[in-house]
Protein backbone atom coordinates (compact mmCIF):
# COMPACT_ATOMS: atom_id res chain seq x y z
CA MET A 1 -33.01 59.83 79.44
CA THR A 2 -33.09 56.93 77.50
CA ARG A 3 -31.36 57.22 73.95
CA ARG A 4 -33.42 55.85 71.22
CA THR A 5 -31.73 54.31 68.42
CA PRO A 6 -32.58 55.31 65.08
CA VAL A 7 -34.85 52.95 63.52
CA GLY A 8 -33.55 53.58 60.02
CA GLY A 9 -30.25 52.87 61.19
CA ASP A 10 -31.24 49.64 62.49
CA ARG A 11 -33.09 48.61 59.32
CA GLU A 12 -30.39 49.98 57.08
CA GLY A 13 -27.71 48.19 58.88
CA LEU A 14 -29.99 44.74 59.14
CA GLY A 15 -30.63 45.30 55.31
CA VAL A 16 -26.93 45.46 54.59
CA GLY A 17 -26.50 42.34 56.56
CA GLN A 18 -28.87 40.24 54.97
CA GLY A 19 -27.65 41.42 51.60
CA ARG A 20 -24.29 40.08 52.01
CA THR A 21 -25.45 36.71 53.34
CA GLY A 22 -27.93 36.11 50.56
CA ALA A 23 -25.19 37.05 47.92
CA GLU A 24 -22.77 34.63 49.59
CA GLN A 25 -25.39 32.09 49.50
CA LEU A 26 -26.25 32.71 46.05
CA SER A 27 -22.57 32.55 44.81
CA GLY A 28 -22.18 29.24 46.32
CA ASP A 29 -25.04 27.67 44.88
CA GLU A 30 -23.91 28.80 41.59
CA ASN A 31 -20.36 27.53 41.92
CA GLU A 32 -22.07 24.25 43.25
CA GLU A 33 -24.37 24.03 40.30
CA ALA A 34 -21.13 25.13 37.83
CA GLN A 35 -19.21 22.31 39.21
CA GLN A 36 -21.90 19.80 39.00
CA ARG A 37 -22.52 20.89 35.11
CA VAL A 38 -18.84 20.64 34.60
CA LEU A 39 -18.98 16.89 35.87
CA ARG A 40 -21.96 15.99 33.99
CA ASP A 41 -20.28 17.46 30.63
CA VAL A 42 -17.18 15.64 31.41
CA ASP A 43 -18.99 12.25 32.30
CA MET A 44 -21.00 12.67 28.91
CA GLY A 45 -18.43 14.02 26.82
CA THR A 46 -15.61 11.24 27.60
CA PRO A 47 -17.31 8.40 25.79
CA LYS A 48 -18.23 10.52 22.80
CA GLN A 49 -14.83 11.80 22.64
CA TYR A 50 -13.62 8.19 23.04
CA SER A 51 -16.08 6.90 20.35
CA VAL A 52 -14.85 9.82 17.93
CA VAL A 53 -11.35 8.69 18.11
CA GLN A 54 -12.46 5.01 17.42
CA MET A 55 -14.58 5.94 14.44
CA GLN A 56 -11.60 7.96 13.26
CA ARG A 57 -9.38 4.92 13.63
CA PHE A 58 -11.67 2.41 11.78
CA ALA A 59 -12.49 4.91 8.95
CA GLY A 60 -8.93 5.95 8.29
CA PHE A 61 -7.73 1.97 8.25
CA GLY A 62 -10.97 1.36 6.27
CA VAL A 63 -10.23 4.13 3.46
CA GLY A 64 -6.61 3.25 3.45
CA LEU A 65 -7.28 -0.72 2.81
CA ALA A 66 -9.76 0.16 0.23
CA SER A 67 -7.23 2.28 -1.74
CA LEU A 68 -4.51 -0.45 -1.57
CA LEU A 69 -7.33 -3.03 -2.93
CA THR A 70 -8.39 -0.48 -5.67
CA GLU A 71 -4.93 0.16 -6.83
CA ASN A 72 -4.15 -3.71 -6.91
CA VAL A 73 -7.40 -4.42 -8.73
CA LEU A 74 -7.59 -1.62 -11.16
CA SER A 75 -3.55 -1.63 -12.18
CA HIS A 76 -4.02 -5.32 -13.02
CA PRO A 77 -4.61 -4.78 -16.87
CA CYS A 78 -1.44 -2.36 -17.03
CA ILE A 79 0.60 -5.77 -15.34
CA VAL A 80 -0.84 -8.02 -17.73
CA PHE A 81 0.51 -6.00 -20.60
CA ARG A 82 3.57 -5.16 -19.15
CA ARG A 83 4.34 -8.61 -18.65
CA GLN A 84 3.41 -9.62 -22.15
CA CYS A 85 5.77 -6.98 -23.50
CA GLN A 86 8.46 -8.12 -21.40
CA VAL A 87 8.31 -11.83 -22.46
CA HIS A 88 7.65 -11.05 -26.27
CA HIS A 89 11.04 -11.29 -27.79
CA CYS A 90 10.35 -10.58 -31.36
CA SER A 91 8.35 -7.34 -30.95
CA TYR A 92 9.32 -4.33 -32.94
CA ARG A 93 7.01 -2.07 -30.74
CA TYR A 94 8.67 -1.45 -27.47
CA HIS A 95 5.70 0.53 -25.61
CA LEU A 96 8.09 2.86 -23.78
CA GLN A 97 5.46 5.63 -23.27
CA PRO A 98 1.82 4.90 -22.06
CA PHE A 99 -0.01 6.34 -25.08
CA SER A 100 0.71 3.31 -27.49
CA VAL A 101 -0.01 0.95 -24.59
CA LEU A 102 -3.45 2.17 -23.94
CA ASN A 103 -3.97 1.89 -27.59
CA VAL A 104 -3.31 -1.87 -28.00
CA MET A 105 -4.86 -2.82 -24.87
CA LEU A 106 -8.30 -1.32 -25.92
CA LYS A 107 -7.89 -3.36 -29.47
CA ILE A 108 -6.90 -6.51 -27.27
CA GLN A 109 -10.01 -6.00 -25.09
CA GLY A 110 -12.14 -5.52 -27.79
CA ALA A 111 -11.26 -8.48 -29.81
CA GLN A 112 -11.40 -11.19 -26.70
CA GLY A 113 -13.60 -9.44 -24.31
CA PHE A 114 -13.53 -7.62 -20.97
CA SER A 115 -12.33 -10.30 -19.12
CA THR A 116 -8.88 -10.80 -21.10
CA VAL A 117 -7.10 -7.69 -19.16
CA TRP A 118 -8.15 -9.14 -15.91
CA LYS A 119 -6.52 -12.64 -16.31
CA GLY A 120 -4.30 -14.35 -13.54
CA MET A 121 -5.50 -11.57 -10.92
CA THR A 122 -6.72 -14.48 -8.54
CA SER A 123 -3.80 -16.69 -8.92
CA ARG A 124 -1.60 -13.17 -8.04
CA PHE A 125 -3.51 -12.98 -4.81
CA VAL A 126 -2.92 -16.55 -4.28
CA VAL A 127 0.67 -16.30 -4.77
CA GLN A 128 0.94 -13.33 -2.30
CA GLY A 129 -1.21 -15.61 0.25
CA ILE A 130 1.25 -18.39 -0.25
CA GLN A 131 4.19 -16.20 0.34
CA LEU A 132 2.87 -14.63 3.70
CA GLY A 133 1.85 -17.84 4.72
CA SER A 134 5.15 -19.92 4.13
CA GLU A 135 7.20 -16.85 5.90
CA GLY A 136 4.78 -16.99 8.78
CA ILE A 137 5.30 -20.70 9.07
CA ILE A 138 9.29 -20.39 8.72
CA ALA A 139 9.27 -17.64 11.49
CA GLU A 140 7.40 -19.95 13.72
CA PHE A 141 9.75 -22.62 13.65
CA THR A 142 12.86 -20.52 13.61
CA ASP A 143 14.19 -17.79 15.28
CA PHE A 144 13.91 -15.39 12.04
CA PRO A 145 12.33 -12.05 13.13
CA ARG A 146 9.32 -11.03 10.77
CA GLU A 147 9.77 -7.84 11.56
CA VAL A 148 13.09 -5.28 11.96
CA THR A 149 13.48 -1.69 13.28
CA THR A 150 16.19 0.91 13.43
CA HIS A 151 16.98 -0.64 17.05
CA SER A 152 17.60 -4.23 15.30
CA THR A 153 21.05 -5.64 15.37
CA PHE A 154 22.94 -6.60 12.15
CA LYS A 155 22.33 -10.46 12.92
CA GLN A 156 18.62 -9.74 13.20
CA LEU A 157 18.42 -7.76 9.96
CA PHE A 158 20.37 -11.11 8.30
CA LYS A 159 17.97 -13.31 9.53
CA HIS A 160 15.00 -11.30 8.54
CA ILE A 161 16.43 -11.10 5.02
CA ALA A 162 17.14 -14.78 5.14
CA LEU A 163 13.44 -15.45 6.09
CA LYS A 164 12.34 -13.11 2.92
CA GLY A 165 14.44 -15.22 0.62
CA LEU A 166 13.33 -18.54 1.97
CA SER A 167 9.74 -17.52 1.63
CA ILE A 168 10.61 -16.37 -1.95
CA VAL A 169 12.19 -19.83 -2.71
CA VAL A 170 8.80 -21.58 -1.34
CA THR A 171 6.63 -19.42 -3.76
CA LEU A 172 9.03 -19.69 -6.91
CA PRO A 173 7.08 -22.44 -8.59
CA PHE A 174 3.53 -21.16 -7.77
CA PHE A 175 4.74 -17.70 -9.36
CA CYS A 176 5.77 -19.29 -12.42
CA ALA A 177 2.29 -20.68 -12.81
CA SER A 178 0.78 -17.42 -12.08
CA LEU A 179 2.92 -15.46 -14.39
CA ILE A 180 2.03 -17.99 -17.44
CA GLU A 181 -1.63 -17.39 -16.59
CA THR A 182 -1.13 -13.90 -16.54
CA VAL A 183 0.54 -13.66 -20.06
CA GLN A 184 -0.92 -16.25 -21.97
CA SER A 185 -3.71 -15.55 -24.65
CA ASP A 186 -7.39 -16.21 -23.86
CA ILE A 187 -8.07 -17.45 -27.51
CA ALA A 188 -5.15 -20.10 -27.43
CA SER A 189 -5.95 -21.11 -24.03
CA GLU A 190 -8.70 -22.35 -21.38
CA THR A 191 -9.76 -20.25 -18.62
CA PRO A 192 -7.94 -21.59 -15.52
CA TRP A 193 -9.68 -22.27 -12.47
CA VAL A 194 -8.81 -20.18 -9.15
CA LEU A 195 -6.27 -22.92 -7.77
CA ASP A 196 -4.75 -23.79 -11.23
CA CYS A 197 -1.58 -22.13 -9.98
CA VAL A 198 -1.28 -24.34 -6.99
CA ARG A 199 -1.67 -27.48 -9.00
CA GLU A 200 0.61 -26.47 -11.94
CA GLY A 201 3.24 -25.02 -9.14
CA PHE A 202 3.42 -28.45 -7.64
CA ARG A 203 3.84 -30.06 -10.90
CA ARG A 204 6.68 -27.51 -11.70
CA LEU A 205 8.25 -28.46 -8.16
CA LEU A 206 7.95 -32.34 -8.64
CA GLY A 207 9.98 -31.58 -12.02
CA TRP A 208 12.93 -30.24 -10.18
CA GLY A 209 16.11 -30.69 -12.44
CA ALA A 210 14.48 -32.60 -14.97
CA PRO A 211 12.47 -30.34 -17.48
CA THR A 212 9.65 -31.84 -19.64
CA THR A 213 11.12 -29.93 -22.80
CA THR A 214 14.66 -28.93 -23.78
CA ARG A 215 14.04 -25.13 -23.39
CA LEU A 216 12.56 -25.30 -20.01
CA LEU A 217 14.58 -24.36 -17.38
CA PRO A 218 14.90 -26.27 -14.13
CA VAL A 219 13.61 -24.86 -11.14
CA TRP A 220 17.25 -24.58 -9.74
CA LYS A 221 18.50 -22.28 -12.42
CA LEU A 222 15.37 -19.52 -11.53
CA VAL A 223 16.41 -19.49 -7.83
CA LEU A 224 19.16 -17.12 -8.20
CA PRO A 225 17.21 -14.30 -10.79
CA THR A 226 14.00 -14.85 -8.52
CA VAL A 227 15.40 -14.60 -5.10
CA LEU A 228 17.68 -11.63 -6.32
CA TYR A 229 14.76 -9.44 -7.59
CA GLY A 230 12.72 -10.20 -4.67
CA LEU A 231 15.27 -9.22 -2.17
CA LEU A 232 16.33 -6.19 -3.92
CA HIS A 233 12.60 -5.10 -4.58
CA TYR A 234 11.88 -5.44 -0.82
CA LEU A 235 15.09 -3.84 0.32
CA ILE A 236 14.65 -0.83 -2.05
CA THR A 237 10.99 -0.54 -1.03
CA SER A 238 11.54 -0.49 2.55
CA VAL A 239 14.46 2.08 2.74
CA VAL A 240 12.51 4.54 0.23
CA GLN A 241 9.26 4.04 2.25
CA TYR A 242 11.24 4.46 5.59
CA ILE A 243 13.05 7.67 4.22
CA ALA A 244 9.58 9.26 2.72
CA LEU A 245 7.80 8.64 5.72
CA VAL A 246 10.31 10.32 7.98
CA LEU A 247 10.55 13.34 5.71
CA LEU A 248 6.85 13.80 5.42
CA ARG A 249 6.31 13.31 8.93
CA GLN A 250 9.30 16.03 10.00
CA GLY A 251 7.85 18.44 7.41
CA LYS A 252 4.34 18.08 8.94
CA ASP A 253 5.63 18.48 12.34
CA ARG A 254 7.86 21.54 11.62
CA HIS A 255 4.77 23.12 9.84
CA LYS A 256 2.85 22.90 12.99
CA PHE A 257 5.64 24.05 15.08
CA ASP A 258 5.72 27.06 12.95
CA MET A 259 1.95 27.42 13.23
CA ASP A 260 2.25 26.88 17.34
CA GLU A 261 0.03 23.91 17.00
CA PRO A 262 0.46 20.71 19.20
CA LEU A 263 2.73 18.22 17.59
CA ALA A 264 0.92 15.05 18.75
CA ASP A 265 -2.58 16.26 17.68
CA ARG A 266 -3.09 14.60 14.27
CA ASN A 267 -6.04 14.33 12.41
CA MET A 268 -6.85 11.47 10.04
CA LEU A 269 -5.31 12.81 7.07
CA GLU A 270 -1.79 13.32 8.82
CA THR A 271 -2.20 9.79 10.55
CA TYR A 272 -2.82 7.54 7.64
CA PHE A 273 -2.22 9.29 4.36
CA PRO A 274 1.62 9.49 4.72
CA GLU A 275 1.88 5.68 4.93
CA LEU A 276 -0.04 5.35 1.89
CA LEU A 277 2.22 7.88 -0.08
CA ALA A 278 5.54 6.15 1.31
CA THR A 279 4.26 2.88 0.10
CA PHE A 280 3.55 4.45 -3.51
CA LEU A 281 6.81 5.91 -3.42
CA GLY A 282 8.83 2.78 -2.18
CA ASN A 283 7.03 0.54 -4.89
CA LEU A 284 7.72 3.34 -7.77
CA PHE A 285 11.45 3.48 -7.22
CA SER A 286 11.85 -0.33 -6.89
CA ASP A 287 9.76 -0.94 -9.90
CA VAL A 288 11.76 1.50 -11.95
CA LEU A 289 15.13 0.44 -11.05
CA LEU A 290 14.61 -3.20 -11.10
CA PHE A 291 12.57 -3.07 -14.58
CA PRO A 292 15.26 -4.88 -16.55
CA LEU A 293 15.97 -7.63 -13.91
CA GLU A 294 12.23 -8.16 -14.13
CA THR A 295 12.47 -8.82 -17.70
CA VAL A 296 15.03 -11.12 -17.59
CA MET A 297 13.21 -12.89 -14.67
CA HIS A 298 10.02 -13.11 -16.51
CA ARG A 299 11.66 -14.19 -19.72
CA LEU A 300 13.69 -17.22 -17.71
CA HIS A 301 10.35 -18.21 -16.22
CA VAL A 302 8.18 -18.59 -19.30
CA GLN A 303 10.76 -20.16 -21.33
CA GLY A 304 9.97 -23.75 -22.77
CA THR A 305 6.31 -23.75 -21.04
CA ARG A 306 4.66 -23.50 -24.62
CA THR A 307 2.84 -20.42 -23.72
CA ILE A 308 1.14 -18.31 -26.60
CA ILE A 309 0.56 -14.78 -25.76
CA ASP A 310 -1.24 -11.73 -27.44
CA ASN A 311 0.50 -9.92 -30.39
CA THR A 312 1.50 -6.68 -28.56
CA ASP A 313 2.44 -4.95 -31.53
CA TRP A 314 -0.87 -4.24 -33.22
CA GLY A 315 -3.35 -6.20 -30.54
CA ALA A 316 -4.41 -8.58 -33.31
CA GLY A 317 -3.22 -12.33 -33.36
CA VAL A 318 -1.30 -14.53 -31.02
CA LEU A 319 2.37 -15.82 -30.98
CA ALA A 320 4.40 -18.51 -29.38
CA ILE A 321 7.31 -17.69 -26.98
CA ASN A 322 10.51 -19.13 -28.76
CA THR A 323 13.73 -18.53 -26.72
CA ARG A 324 16.92 -20.47 -25.61
CA TYR A 325 18.65 -18.65 -22.80
CA GLU A 326 20.58 -20.64 -20.52
CA GLY A 327 20.65 -18.64 -17.37
CA MET A 328 20.08 -14.98 -16.27
CA ALA A 329 23.61 -13.62 -17.63
CA GLU A 330 23.20 -15.25 -21.08
CA CYS A 331 19.58 -13.88 -20.98
CA PHE A 332 20.72 -10.23 -20.21
CA ARG A 333 23.39 -10.38 -22.93
CA GLY A 334 21.07 -11.95 -25.64
CA VAL A 335 18.38 -9.15 -25.14
CA VAL A 336 20.90 -6.37 -25.33
CA ARG A 337 22.75 -8.11 -28.60
CA GLU A 338 19.25 -8.79 -30.28
CA GLU A 339 16.94 -6.14 -29.15
CA GLY A 340 19.15 -3.48 -27.90
CA PHE A 341 19.31 -1.92 -24.65
CA PHE A 342 15.97 -0.69 -24.49
CA GLY A 343 14.74 -4.45 -24.97
CA LEU A 344 15.03 -4.39 -21.25
CA TYR A 345 12.63 -1.71 -20.80
CA LYS A 346 9.73 -3.36 -23.32
CA GLY A 347 6.58 -2.47 -21.75
CA PHE A 348 7.80 0.37 -19.66
CA GLY A 349 4.84 2.51 -20.73
CA ALA A 350 2.45 0.02 -19.02
CA LEU A 351 4.55 0.71 -15.94
CA VAL A 352 4.13 4.37 -16.20
CA LEU A 353 0.28 4.09 -16.97
CA GLN A 354 0.09 1.89 -13.68
CA TYR A 355 1.47 4.61 -11.38
CA LEU A 356 -0.47 7.39 -13.21
CA LEU A 357 -3.57 5.17 -11.93
CA HIS A 358 -1.99 5.06 -8.48
CA ALA A 359 -1.21 8.70 -8.08
CA ALA A 360 -4.96 9.34 -9.22
CA ILE A 361 -6.29 7.01 -6.50
CA LEU A 362 -3.88 8.58 -3.92
CA LYS A 363 -5.32 12.07 -4.63
CA ILE A 364 -8.91 10.64 -4.45
CA THR A 365 -7.94 8.98 -1.20
CA LYS A 366 -6.43 12.17 0.19
CA CYS A 367 -9.75 14.21 -0.68
CA ILE A 368 -11.76 11.40 1.27
CA TYR A 369 -9.20 11.84 4.19
CA ASP A 370 -9.87 15.73 4.17
CA VAL A 371 -13.50 15.43 4.40
CA MET A 372 -13.53 12.76 6.85
CA SER A 373 -11.04 14.71 8.89
CA GLU A 374 -13.18 17.70 8.92
CA ASN A 375 -16.58 15.75 9.42
CA PHE A 376 -15.18 13.87 12.69
CA THR A 377 -12.89 16.94 14.19
CA SER A 378 -13.24 16.50 18.16
CA ARG A 379 -10.98 19.09 19.08
CA PRO A 380 -12.57 21.53 21.78
CA ARG A 381 -13.31 24.97 21.04
CA ALA A 382 -11.35 27.82 23.06
CA PRO A 383 -13.45 29.46 25.78
CA PRO A 384 -14.51 33.08 24.84
CA ARG A 385 -12.44 35.46 26.44
CA GLN A 386 -13.81 37.50 29.34
CA ARG A 387 -13.88 41.45 28.99
CA GLN A 388 -12.08 43.48 31.57
CA GLN A 389 -13.89 45.88 33.44
């Protein structure tokens, strides 16, 4: 007898075999499609990620630069009034707090026009450009480094400070002309041209050692207070800025470590804002600590130039500068003897008002960085967790 094979068994066995083969083929196709999809997403995502990073970099740099320019422009009226108070030797209102400063500034602007509080702003930028240019030229023809780091040697640091001092000496006569443009009254003087500070600076330089009036100090007597102030201001600003930046970065990294976030992943706010804040703190510390020396330096620069300034007591009228200082030490003693110790701090309220304005601009800048950091966020989302069966 011939044994019959059950048809159902064959069909069942054949059906199971075909099912396994189809599942394996389907699984292989899905894996291949998934791999192609991942590769396609990577190819499309990489340029997008790169463009986002580039946009963040350019946007962050642009906002920071705009913030610095805004600070320099909007704070110029405070600088003008502060310098006028510093050289006003016979004033009885010292303006040590910002409320009286704002009142007199508004009176002067109302009497002489809107542009009177912005005088000397272009010459101030010209002087900064001359200093940067001279520093670059000196560094090009010498081995003086333009920048130093924590790994620099003492010799490199000394050469760097010498480079700063030489650039200050080169800029000195042009700074004198710019200072006069800043403090002189618009009522008793003509509106200067953009490059008048350069022309007047060369005139002051060519008259080295031969003052045209008996009260005008020769340029060589202005070297010591100017270089001393410039170097101290640079050193204090650099040290405070470095310490503040280190503390800000360490505090932020410690917070990320506590929150179990990657330390290297920084958004736009964490990248650019600490540098702006550190620069703000460095300038604030140096301006406050060196305010008396700045007062002495400005008085020596203006003496004998026949400069007429606005009356900073009430904001009405003008007066002439009439001092007879022989040098930095004699000027310091004369101010303390005739005007008291706080005579060295005349116009300090304008400095307070200036940095209050800086702080407000920094606050606005921080808000802008916050918004832009949220809009440019490019961190990948975490994949959803698979349910355990």
